[in-house]
Amino acid sequence: MPVLLTNITSELIQEALDKTGADSVISVLREGETIPIDCGVPLQMETIKLDYPEKVTERINAILEDAFRAGDVELVLEPDSLGLMILNTAKDFEIFKKKNIYVVNSGKLEKFKACLC
């Protein structure tokens, strides 16, 4: 069962679901952010305060561990500081060897074309 892990806060969430085939979403958002639409699948919201980077990394790691226990994880990320933290933490799970990762670029989803080796 594919799980979409994302920090997207736009209508692109539906396109992300279509591209990944995910049947549930874990949304990792900054405190105060929300998803503006009903994505039509089970949604788990995780809110993160970006005050202390070490705690953010620990929190993201715990979220990723839970996501990988729940199923096959797909990443679709905004190219911002939170997205980079998620991507950097995900490398510990060797996600780059297994998956396509999508990022938002100019309002569209595109495959991530770099490696954090």
N, C-alpha and C. Protein backbone atom coordinates (compact mmCIF):
# COMPACT_ATOMS: atom_id res chain seq x y z
N MET A 1 0.85 -1.17 0.00
CA MET A 1 0.00 0.00 0.00
C MET A 1 0.89 1.23 0.00
N PRO A 2 0.94 1.99 -1.09
CA PRO A 2 1.78 3.18 -1.17
C PRO A 2 1.28 4.31 -0.26
N VAL A 3 2.23 4.96 0.39
CA VAL A 3 1.95 6.08 1.27
C VAL A 3 2.68 7.29 0.69
N LEU A 4 1.96 8.38 0.48
CA LEU A 4 2.56 9.62 -0.01
C LEU A 4 2.98 10.45 1.19
N LEU A 5 4.27 10.77 1.28
CA LEU A 5 4.76 11.68 2.30
C LEU A 5 5.11 12.97 1.60
N THR A 6 4.51 14.08 2.05
CA THR A 6 4.66 15.33 1.34
C THR A 6 4.60 16.53 2.27
N ASN A 7 5.12 17.64 1.79
CA ASN A 7 4.96 18.92 2.48
C ASN A 7 4.25 19.93 1.57
N ILE A 8 3.58 19.44 0.55
CA ILE A 8 2.84 20.30 -0.39
C ILE A 8 1.61 20.89 0.31
N THR A 9 1.36 22.17 0.05
CA THR A 9 0.19 22.83 0.62
C THR A 9 -0.70 23.40 -0.49
N SER A 10 -0.63 22.83 -1.68
CA SER A 10 -1.42 23.34 -2.81
C SER A 10 -2.27 22.23 -3.42
N GLU A 11 -3.00 22.59 -4.45
CA GLU A 11 -3.84 21.63 -5.16
C GLU A 11 -3.02 20.56 -5.88
N LEU A 12 -1.71 20.73 -5.95
CA LEU A 12 -0.85 19.72 -6.58
C LEU A 12 -0.88 18.40 -5.82
N ILE A 13 -1.46 18.39 -4.65
CA ILE A 13 -1.56 17.15 -3.87
C ILE A 13 -2.30 16.08 -4.67
N GLN A 14 -3.32 16.49 -5.44
CA GLN A 14 -4.06 15.51 -6.25
C GLN A 14 -3.19 14.94 -7.35
N GLU A 15 -2.41 15.78 -8.01
CA GLU A 15 -1.48 15.29 -9.03
C GLU A 15 -0.43 14.36 -8.41
N ALA A 16 0.02 14.70 -7.20
CA ALA A 16 0.98 13.86 -6.49
C ALA A 16 0.39 12.47 -6.24
N LEU A 17 -0.87 12.43 -5.84
CA LEU A 17 -1.54 11.13 -5.62
C LEU A 17 -1.63 10.35 -6.93
N ASP A 18 -1.96 11.03 -8.02
CA ASP A 18 -2.06 10.37 -9.32
C ASP A 18 -0.70 9.81 -9.76
N LYS A 19 0.37 10.59 -9.60
CA LYS A 19 1.69 10.16 -10.06
C LYS A 19 2.25 9.00 -9.22
N THR A 20 1.95 8.99 -7.95
CA THR A 20 2.53 7.98 -7.06
C THR A 20 1.64 6.77 -6.86
N GLY A 21 0.34 6.91 -7.12
CA GLY A 21 -0.58 5.81 -6.88
C GLY A 21 -0.83 5.55 -5.40
N ALA A 22 -0.50 6.53 -4.57
CA ALA A 22 -0.65 6.37 -3.12
C ALA A 22 -2.12 6.32 -2.73
N ASP A 23 -2.40 5.54 -1.68
CA ASP A 23 -3.78 5.48 -1.20
C ASP A 23 -3.93 6.07 0.19
N SER A 24 -2.87 6.74 0.67
CA SER A 24 -2.97 7.54 1.89
C SER A 24 -1.87 8.60 1.85
N VAL A 25 -2.04 9.64 2.67
CA VAL A 25 -1.12 10.77 2.67
C VAL A 25 -0.67 11.07 4.10
N ILE A 26 0.63 11.28 4.23
CA ILE A 26 1.18 11.84 5.46
C ILE A 26 1.70 13.22 5.07
N SER A 27 1.06 14.23 5.61
CA SER A 27 1.40 15.61 5.28
C SER A 27 2.23 16.20 6.41
N VAL A 28 3.47 16.56 6.10
CA VAL A 28 4.38 17.15 7.07
C VAL A 28 4.43 18.64 6.79
N LEU A 29 3.83 19.41 7.69
CA LEU A 29 3.68 20.85 7.45
C LEU A 29 4.26 21.66 8.59
N ARG A 30 4.61 22.90 8.26
CA ARG A 30 5.02 23.84 9.29
C ARG A 30 3.81 24.17 10.15
N GLU A 31 4.08 24.52 11.39
CA GLU A 31 3.02 24.92 12.30
C GLU A 31 2.21 26.05 11.66
N GLY A 32 0.90 25.89 11.61
CA GLY A 32 0.00 26.89 11.04
C GLY A 32 -0.39 26.64 9.59
N GLU A 33 0.29 25.72 8.89
CA GLU A 33 -0.06 25.41 7.50
C GLU A 33 -1.11 24.31 7.44
N THR A 34 -1.88 24.30 6.36
CA THR A 34 -2.86 23.24 6.14
C THR A 34 -2.90 22.90 4.65
N ILE A 35 -3.55 21.80 4.34
CA ILE A 35 -3.81 21.43 2.95
C ILE A 35 -5.16 22.04 2.58
N PRO A 36 -5.23 22.78 1.45
CA PRO A 36 -6.45 23.52 1.12
C PRO A 36 -7.59 22.70 0.54
N ILE A 37 -7.36 21.42 0.24
CA ILE A 37 -8.41 20.62 -0.39
C ILE A 37 -8.55 19.28 0.31
N ASP A 38 -9.68 18.64 0.08
CA ASP A 38 -9.88 17.27 0.54
C ASP A 38 -9.25 16.38 -0.52
N CYS A 39 -8.25 15.60 -0.16
CA CYS A 39 -7.53 14.81 -1.15
C CYS A 39 -8.20 13.48 -1.45
N GLY A 40 -9.27 13.14 -0.76
CA GLY A 40 -10.05 11.95 -1.08
C GLY A 40 -9.46 10.63 -0.59
N VAL A 41 -8.38 10.68 0.16
CA VAL A 41 -7.77 9.48 0.75
C VAL A 41 -7.48 9.79 2.22
N PRO A 42 -7.23 8.76 3.02
CA PRO A 42 -6.88 9.02 4.42
C PRO A 42 -5.68 9.96 4.53
N LEU A 43 -5.81 10.94 5.39
CA LEU A 43 -4.80 11.98 5.55
C LEU A 43 -4.35 12.05 7.00
N GLN A 44 -3.05 11.97 7.19
CA GLN A 44 -2.45 12.14 8.52
C GLN A 44 -1.64 13.42 8.48
N MET A 45 -1.99 14.39 9.31
CA MET A 45 -1.27 15.67 9.35
C MET A 45 -0.25 15.64 10.48
N GLU A 46 0.97 15.98 10.16
CA GLU A 46 2.05 16.10 11.13
C GLU A 46 2.55 17.54 11.08
N THR A 47 2.50 18.23 12.20
CA THR A 47 2.93 19.62 12.26
C THR A 47 4.29 19.71 12.92
N ILE A 48 5.15 20.54 12.32
CA ILE A 48 6.51 20.67 12.82
C ILE A 48 6.84 22.14 13.05
N LYS A 49 7.44 22.42 14.21
CA LYS A 49 7.99 23.74 14.49
C LYS A 49 9.45 23.70 14.06
N LEU A 50 9.87 24.68 13.30
CA LEU A 50 11.23 24.69 12.77
C LEU A 50 12.22 25.41 13.67
N ASP A 51 11.89 25.57 14.94
CA ASP A 51 12.73 26.33 15.87
C ASP A 51 14.10 25.69 16.12
N TYR A 52 14.13 24.38 16.28
CA TYR A 52 15.36 23.67 16.64
C TYR A 52 15.64 22.58 15.61
N PRO A 53 16.60 22.80 14.72
CA PRO A 53 16.87 21.85 13.64
C PRO A 53 17.09 20.41 14.10
N GLU A 54 17.76 20.20 15.24
CA GLU A 54 18.01 18.84 15.71
C GLU A 54 16.69 18.13 16.02
N LYS A 55 15.78 18.85 16.65
CA LYS A 55 14.49 18.25 16.99
C LYS A 55 13.65 18.01 15.73
N VAL A 56 13.78 18.90 14.75
CA VAL A 56 13.06 18.72 13.49
C VAL A 56 13.52 17.43 12.82
N THR A 57 14.81 17.21 12.77
CA THR A 57 15.36 16.00 12.15
C THR A 57 14.88 14.75 12.89
N GLU A 58 14.89 14.80 14.21
CA GLU A 58 14.40 13.66 15.00
C GLU A 58 12.93 13.39 14.70
N ARG A 59 12.14 14.45 14.62
CA ARG A 59 10.70 14.32 14.36
C ARG A 59 10.45 13.75 12.97
N ILE A 60 11.16 14.28 11.97
CA ILE A 60 11.01 13.78 10.60
C ILE A 60 11.43 12.32 10.53
N ASN A 61 12.51 11.96 11.20
CA ASN A 61 12.96 10.57 11.23
C ASN A 61 11.87 9.67 11.80
N ALA A 62 11.23 10.09 12.89
CA ALA A 62 10.16 9.29 13.50
C ALA A 62 8.97 9.16 12.54
N ILE A 63 8.63 10.24 11.85
CA ILE A 63 7.53 10.21 10.87
C ILE A 63 7.86 9.24 9.74
N LEU A 64 9.09 9.31 9.23
CA LEU A 64 9.51 8.40 8.16
C LEU A 64 9.50 6.94 8.62
N GLU A 65 9.97 6.68 9.83
CA GLU A 65 9.94 5.31 10.34
C GLU A 65 8.52 4.77 10.37
N ASP A 66 7.59 5.58 10.88
CA ASP A 66 6.18 5.16 10.91
C ASP A 66 5.64 4.96 9.50
N ALA A 67 6.00 5.85 8.58
CA ALA A 67 5.53 5.74 7.20
C ALA A 67 6.02 4.45 6.54
N PHE A 68 7.30 4.12 6.74
CA PHE A 68 7.85 2.90 6.15
C PHE A 68 7.25 1.66 6.76
N ARG A 69 6.85 1.72 8.03
CA ARG A 69 6.15 0.59 8.64
C ARG A 69 4.75 0.43 8.04
N ALA A 70 4.14 1.54 7.64
CA ALA A 70 2.77 1.51 7.11
C ALA A 70 2.72 1.03 5.66
N GLY A 71 3.82 1.19 4.91
CA GLY A 71 3.79 0.78 3.52
C GLY A 71 4.94 1.33 2.73
N ASP A 72 4.78 1.29 1.42
CA ASP A 72 5.76 1.76 0.46
C ASP A 72 5.69 3.28 0.41
N VAL A 73 6.76 4.00 0.71
CA VAL A 73 6.73 5.46 0.83
C VAL A 73 7.15 6.13 -0.47
N GLU A 74 6.35 7.10 -0.88
CA GLU A 74 6.62 7.95 -2.04
C GLU A 74 6.79 9.37 -1.53
N LEU A 75 7.78 10.11 -2.04
CA LEU A 75 8.01 11.50 -1.63
C LEU A 75 7.64 12.47 -2.74
N VAL A 76 6.89 13.50 -2.40
CA VAL A 76 6.62 14.63 -3.28
C VAL A 76 6.78 15.86 -2.41
N LEU A 77 7.76 16.71 -2.76
CA LEU A 77 8.17 17.77 -1.86
C LEU A 77 8.21 19.15 -2.50
N GLU A 78 7.93 20.14 -1.68
CA GLU A 78 8.18 21.54 -2.03
C GLU A 78 9.68 21.77 -1.88
N PRO A 79 10.30 22.55 -2.76
CA PRO A 79 11.73 22.81 -2.64
C PRO A 79 12.01 23.95 -1.66
N ASP A 80 11.76 23.69 -0.40
CA ASP A 80 12.00 24.68 0.64
C ASP A 80 12.79 24.03 1.77
N SER A 81 13.00 24.75 2.84
CA SER A 81 13.84 24.20 3.93
C SER A 81 13.25 22.93 4.52
N LEU A 82 11.94 22.87 4.70
CA LEU A 82 11.32 21.66 5.23
C LEU A 82 11.46 20.50 4.25
N GLY A 83 11.24 20.76 2.97
CA GLY A 83 11.41 19.72 1.95
C GLY A 83 12.83 19.18 1.93
N LEU A 84 13.81 20.07 2.07
CA LEU A 84 15.20 19.65 2.10
C LEU A 84 15.50 18.81 3.34
N MET A 85 14.93 19.18 4.48
CA MET A 85 15.12 18.39 5.69
C MET A 85 14.52 17.00 5.54
N ILE A 86 13.34 16.92 4.93
CA ILE A 86 12.70 15.62 4.71
C ILE A 86 13.57 14.77 3.77
N LEU A 87 14.02 15.38 2.68
CA LEU A 87 14.85 14.68 1.70
C LEU A 87 16.15 14.20 2.33
N ASN A 88 16.79 15.06 3.10
CA ASN A 88 18.05 14.70 3.74
C ASN A 88 17.86 13.55 4.74
N THR A 89 16.77 13.57 5.48
CA THR A 89 16.49 12.49 6.43
C THR A 89 16.11 11.21 5.70
N ALA A 90 15.41 11.32 4.59
CA ALA A 90 14.99 10.14 3.83
C ALA A 90 16.16 9.37 3.25
N LYS A 91 17.29 10.03 3.03
CA LYS A 91 18.44 9.31 2.47
C LYS A 91 18.91 8.20 3.40
N ASP A 92 18.67 8.35 4.71
CA ASP A 92 19.04 7.30 5.65
C ASP A 92 18.21 6.03 5.45
N PHE A 93 17.09 6.15 4.76
CA PHE A 93 16.22 5.01 4.47
C PHE A 93 16.49 4.45 3.07
N GLU A 94 17.54 4.93 2.43
CA GLU A 94 17.94 4.51 1.08
C GLU A 94 16.80 4.63 0.07
N ILE A 95 16.01 5.66 0.23
CA ILE A 95 14.86 5.85 -0.66
C ILE A 95 15.30 6.16 -2.09
N PHE A 96 16.50 6.71 -2.28
CA PHE A 96 16.96 7.07 -3.62
C PHE A 96 17.19 5.85 -4.50
N LYS A 97 17.48 4.72 -3.90
CA LYS A 97 17.71 3.50 -4.68
C LYS A 97 16.42 2.86 -5.14
N LYS A 98 15.29 3.23 -4.53
CA LYS A 98 14.05 2.51 -4.76
C LYS A 98 12.97 3.32 -5.47
N LYS A 99 13.00 4.61 -5.37
CA LYS A 99 11.83 5.41 -5.75
C LYS A 99 12.17 6.58 -6.64
N ASN A 100 11.16 7.03 -7.36
CA ASN A 100 11.20 8.35 -7.96
C ASN A 100 10.74 9.33 -6.90
N ILE A 101 11.40 10.44 -6.84
CA ILE A 101 11.02 11.49 -5.90
C ILE A 101 10.62 12.69 -6.75
N TYR A 102 9.51 13.31 -6.41
CA TYR A 102 9.03 14.46 -7.17
C TYR A 102 9.17 15.73 -6.34
N VAL A 103 9.50 16.83 -7.03
CA VAL A 103 9.55 18.14 -6.40
C VAL A 103 8.70 19.11 -7.21
N VAL A 104 8.22 20.14 -6.54
CA VAL A 104 7.45 21.18 -7.21
C VAL A 104 8.43 22.13 -7.87
N ASN A 105 8.22 22.37 -9.17
CA ASN A 105 9.06 23.30 -9.91
C ASN A 105 8.17 24.11 -10.83
N SER A 106 8.10 25.41 -10.61
CA SER A 106 7.28 26.31 -11.43
C SER A 106 5.83 25.85 -11.51
N GLY A 107 5.29 25.40 -10.39
CA GLY A 107 3.89 25.00 -10.33
C GLY A 107 3.58 23.63 -10.89
N LYS A 108 4.62 22.84 -11.22
CA LYS A 108 4.43 21.49 -11.75
C LYS A 108 5.28 20.51 -10.95
N LEU A 109 4.87 19.26 -10.98
CA LEU A 109 5.67 18.21 -10.34
C LEU A 109 6.67 17.65 -11.34
N GLU A 110 7.92 17.58 -10.92
CA GLU A 110 8.96 17.04 -11.77
C GLU A 110 9.80 16.05 -10.97
N LYS A 111 10.36 15.06 -11.65
CA LYS A 111 11.23 14.11 -10.97
C LYS A 111 12.45 14.84 -10.44
N PHE A 112 12.84 14.46 -9.24
CA PHE A 112 14.04 15.01 -8.61
C PHE A 112 15.26 14.46 -9.34
N LYS A 113 16.17 15.34 -9.76
CA LYS A 113 17.28 14.91 -10.61
C LYS A 113 18.63 15.13 -9.95
N ALA A 114 18.73 14.87 -8.68
CA ALA A 114 20.00 14.99 -7.97
C ALA A 114 20.09 13.86 -6.97
N CYS A 115 21.24 13.73 -6.37
CA CYS A 115 21.42 12.66 -5.38
C CYS A 115 22.08 13.23 -4.14
N LEU A 116 21.58 12.85 -2.99
CA LEU A 116 22.20 13.23 -1.72
C LEU A 116 22.95 12.02 -1.20
N CYS A 117 24.02 11.68 -1.86
CA CYS A 117 24.78 10.47 -1.52
C CYS A 117 25.68 10.71 -0.33
